[in-house]
C-alpha atoms as a PDB file:
ATOM      1  CA  MET A   1      -1.894  -6.263   0.530  1.00  0.00           C
ATOM      2  CA  ILE A   2      -2.714  -4.464  -2.709  1.00  0.00           C
ATOM      3  CA  VAL A   3       0.808  -3.035  -2.756  1.00  0.00           C
ATOM      4  CA  LEU A   4       2.293  -6.515  -2.541  1.00  0.00           C
ATOM      5  CA  ILE A   5       0.103  -7.779  -5.366  1.00  0.00           C
ATOM      6  CA  ARG A   6       1.064  -4.823  -7.577  1.00  0.00           C
ATOM      7  CA  ALA A   7       4.755  -5.287  -6.865  1.00  0.00           C
ATOM      8  CA  VAL A   8       4.662  -9.015  -7.562  1.00  0.00           C
ATOM      9  CA  LEU A   9       2.755  -8.473 -10.811  1.00  0.00           C
ATOM     10  CA  ALA A  10       5.264  -5.831 -11.890  1.00  0.00           C
ATOM     11  CA  ALA A  11       8.160  -8.186 -11.122  1.00  0.00           C
ATOM     12  CA  ILE A  12       6.511 -11.035 -13.048  1.00  0.00           C
ATOM     13  CA  LEU A  13       5.925  -8.725 -16.016  1.00  0.00           C
ATOM     14  CA  LEU A  14       9.527  -7.509 -15.903  1.00  0.00           C
ATOM     15  CA  MET A  15      10.920 -11.026 -15.686  1.00  0.00           C
ATOM     16  CA  THR A  16       8.681 -12.213 -18.520  1.00  0.00           C
ATOM     17  CA  LEU A  17       9.746  -9.341 -20.756  1.00  0.00           C
ATOM     18  CA  VAL A  18      13.427  -9.909 -20.025  1.00  0.00           C
ATOM     19  CA  PHE A  19      13.327 -13.633 -20.677  1.00  0.00           C
ATOM     20  CA  VAL A  20      11.034 -13.443 -23.725  1.00  0.00           C
ATOM     21  CA  LEU A  21      13.030 -10.712 -25.435  1.00  0.00           C
ATOM     22  CA  TYR A  22      16.269 -12.675 -25.126  1.00  0.00           C
ATOM     23  CA  PRO A  23      16.005 -16.238 -26.427  1.00  0.00           C
ATOM     24  CA  LYS A  24      17.740 -19.042 -24.549  1.00  0.00           C
ATOM     25  CA  SER A  25      20.174 -19.838 -27.359  1.00  0.00           C
ATOM     26  CA  GLY A  26      21.987 -16.503 -27.440  1.00  0.00           C
ATOM     27  CA  GLY A  27      20.569 -14.818 -24.367  1.00  0.00           C
ATOM     28  CA  PHE A  28      21.434 -14.840 -20.715  1.00  0.00           C
ATOM     29  CA  THR A  29      23.514 -17.461 -18.991  1.00  0.00           C
ATOM     30  CA  LEU A  30      22.119 -19.206 -15.931  1.00  0.00           C
ATOM     31  CA  ALA A  31      24.223 -17.013 -13.636  1.00  0.00           C
ATOM     32  CA  ARG A  32      22.861 -13.825 -15.216  1.00  0.00           C
ATOM     33  CA  ARG A  33      19.283 -15.124 -14.970  1.00  0.00           C
ATOM     34  CA  ILE A  34      19.811 -15.801 -11.273  1.00  0.00           C
ATOM     35  CA  ILE A  35      21.217 -12.287 -10.775  1.00  0.00           C
ATOM     36  CA  ILE A  36      18.289 -10.760 -12.657  1.00  0.00           C
ATOM     37  CA  GLY A  37      15.840 -12.807 -10.577  1.00  0.00           C
ATOM     38  CA  ILE A  38      17.441 -11.799  -7.294  1.00  0.00           C
ATOM     39  CA  SER A  39      17.509  -8.161  -8.416  1.00  0.00           C
ATOM     40  CA  ALA A  40      13.807  -8.307  -9.263  1.00  0.00           C
ATOM     41  CA  LEU A  41      13.018  -9.809  -5.850  1.00  0.00           C
ATOM     42  CA  LEU A  42      15.041  -7.101  -4.110  1.00  0.00           C
ATOM     43  CA  LEU A  43      13.205  -4.451  -6.107  1.00  0.00           C
ATOM     44  CA  VAL A  44       9.869  -5.964  -5.096  1.00  0.00           C
ATOM     45  CA  GLY A  45      10.957  -6.079  -1.441  1.00  0.00           C
ATOM     46  CA  ILE A  46      12.113  -2.470  -1.403  1.00  0.00           C
ATOM     47  CA  THR A  47       8.913  -1.347  -3.121  1.00  0.00           C
ATOM     48  CA  VAL A  48       6.717  -3.181  -0.634  1.00  0.00           C
ATOM     49  CA  ILE A  49       8.592  -1.790   2.369  1.00  0.00           C
ATOM     50  CA  TYR A  50       8.406   1.766   1.012  1.00  0.00           C
ATOM     51  CA  GLU A  51       4.706   1.526   0.174  1.00  0.00           C
ATOM     52  CA  MET A  52       3.837   0.038   3.561  1.00  0.00           C
ATOM     53  CA  GLY A  53       5.588   2.927   5.322  1.00  0.00           C
ATOM     54  CA  TYR A  54       3.906   5.489   3.101  1.00  0.00           C
ATOM     55  CA  THR A  55       0.495   3.891   3.649  1.00  0.00           C
ATOM     56  CA  LYS A  56       0.978   3.902   7.420  1.00  0.00           C
ATOM     57  CA  LYS A  57       1.974   7.580   7.359  1.00  0.00           C
ATOM     58  CA  SER A  58      -1.011   8.465   5.162  1.00  0.00           C
ATOM     59  CA  GLU A  59      -3.416   6.673   7.502  1.00  0.00           C
ATOM     60  CA  LEU A  60      -1.975   8.492  10.522  1.00  0.00           C
ATOM     61  CA  ASN A  61      -2.255  11.865   8.765  1.00  0.00           C
ATOM     62  CA  ARG A  62      -5.857  11.084   7.779  1.00  0.00           C
ATOM     63  CA  GLU A  63      -6.709  10.209  11.401  1.00  0.00           C
ATOM     64  CA  LEU A  64      -5.136  13.453  12.616  1.00  0.00           C
ATOM     65  CA  LEU A  65      -7.017  15.489  10.028  1.00  0.00           C
ATOM     66  CA  ASN A  66     -10.298  13.771  10.936  1.00  0.00           C
ATOM     67  CA  ALA A  67      -9.717  14.549  14.617  1.00  0.00           C
ATOM     68  CA  PHE A  68      -8.915  18.165  13.730  1.00  0.00           C
ATOM     69  CA  SER A  69     -12.087  18.412  11.616  1.00  0.00           C
ATOM     70  CA  GLN A  70     -14.129  17.088  14.562  1.00  0.00           C
ATOM     71  CA  ASN A  71     -12.835  19.928  16.782  1.00  0.00           C
ATOM     72  CA  GLN A  72     -10.524  17.681  18.796  1.00  0.00           C
ATOM     73  CA  THR A  73      -7.324  19.220  20.100  1.00  0.00           C
ATOM     74  CA  LEU A  74      -4.020  18.232  18.521  1.00  0.00           C
ATOM     75  CA  ILE A  75      -0.618  18.649  20.134  1.00  0.00           C
ATOM     76  CA  CYS A  76       1.964  19.832  17.599  1.00  0.00           C
ATOM     77  CA  SER A  77       5.515  20.515  18.803  1.00  0.00           C
ATOM     78  CA  GLY A  78       4.176  21.195  22.302  1.00  0.00           C
ATOM     79  CA  HIS A  79       1.412  23.577  21.161  1.00  0.00           C
ATOM     80  CA  GLU A  80      -2.323  22.951  21.266  1.00  0.00           C
ATOM     81  CA  ILE A  81      -3.935  23.141  17.834  1.00  0.00           C
ATOM     82  CA  THR A  82      -7.700  23.495  17.448  1.00  0.00           C
ATOM     83  CA  SER A  83      -9.867  24.206  14.437  1.00  0.00           C
ATOM     84  CA  ASP A  84     -11.011  27.423  16.158  1.00  0.00           C
ATOM     85  CA  ASN A  85      -7.547  29.007  15.919  1.00  0.00           C
ATOM     86  CA  PHE A  86      -5.847  27.124  13.098  1.00  0.00           C
ATOM     87  CA  THR A  87      -6.587  26.093   9.557  1.00  0.00           C
ATOM     88  CA  PHE A  88      -5.153  23.128   7.696  1.00  0.00           C
ATOM     89  CA  VAL A  89      -3.276  23.896   4.470  1.00  0.00           C
ATOM     90  CA  VAL A  90      -3.709  20.841   2.257  1.00  0.00           C
ATOM     91  CA  GLY A  91      -0.941  21.576  -0.248  1.00  0.00           C
ATOM     92  CA  THR A  92       1.826  21.743   2.342  1.00  0.00           C
ATOM     93  CA  GLN A  93       0.202  19.544   5.020  1.00  0.00           C
ATOM     94  CA  VAL A  94       0.622  22.174   7.755  1.00  0.00           C
ATOM     95  CA  PHE A  95      -1.542  23.998  10.287  1.00  0.00           C
ATOM     96  CA  ALA A  96      -1.439  27.796  10.018  1.00  0.00           C
ATOM     97  CA  HIS A  97      -2.811  30.261  12.558  1.00  0.00           C
ATOM     98  CA  LYS A  98      -6.045  31.802  11.276  1.00  0.00           C
ATOM     99  CA  SER A  99      -5.402  35.375  12.384  1.00  0.00           C
ATOM    100  CA  THR A 100      -1.700  35.779  11.628  1.00  0.00           C
ATOM    101  CA  GLY A 101      -0.881  32.875   9.350  1.00  0.00           C
ATOM    102  CA  GLU A 102       2.646  32.946  10.752  1.00  0.00           C
ATOM    103  CA  ILE A 103       2.548  30.074  13.220  1.00  0.00           C
ATOM    104  CA  ILE A 104       2.899  26.931  11.137  1.00  0.00           C
ATOM    105  CA  PHE A 105       3.071  23.334  12.355  1.00  0.00           C
ATOM    106  CA  SER A 106       3.622  20.310  10.139  1.00  0.00           C
ATOM    107  CA  ILE A 107       1.099  17.498  10.495  1.00  0.00           C
ATOM    108  CA  ASP A 108       4.071  15.115  10.844  1.00  0.00           C
ATOM    109  CA  ASN A 109       4.826  16.593  14.284  1.00  0.00           C
ATOM    110  CA  CYS A 110       1.304  16.261  15.675  1.00  0.00           C
ATOM    111  CA  GLU A 111      -0.701  13.824  17.768  1.00  0.00           C
ATOM    112  CA  VAL A 112      -4.238  13.775  19.156  1.00  0.00           C
ATOM    113  CA  LYS A 113      -4.486  15.112  22.720  1.00  0.00           C
END
């Protein structure tokens, strides 16, 4: 919901700036104003869809990491991942084997067992 509010406020600000900076007498025609309005709405729609997907992915990753931290087993690409044998690398969002460091699984390919 916060994403939608931010996007709408940004679109309102953009529209206000565009229409205030160009006076009606020598500015945009009605057709151009309609095109600008539709473009702003499309931009808001695309932003909201992207942010909703990103938020959903972030929540899923957080749930997986919480399960991993609570010693629950994760299944990543058909392999069992536990906090006893693997460590989570925050920067790259992957699980690396503690002893070798060679076996790496992305958190995107994991689910709770």
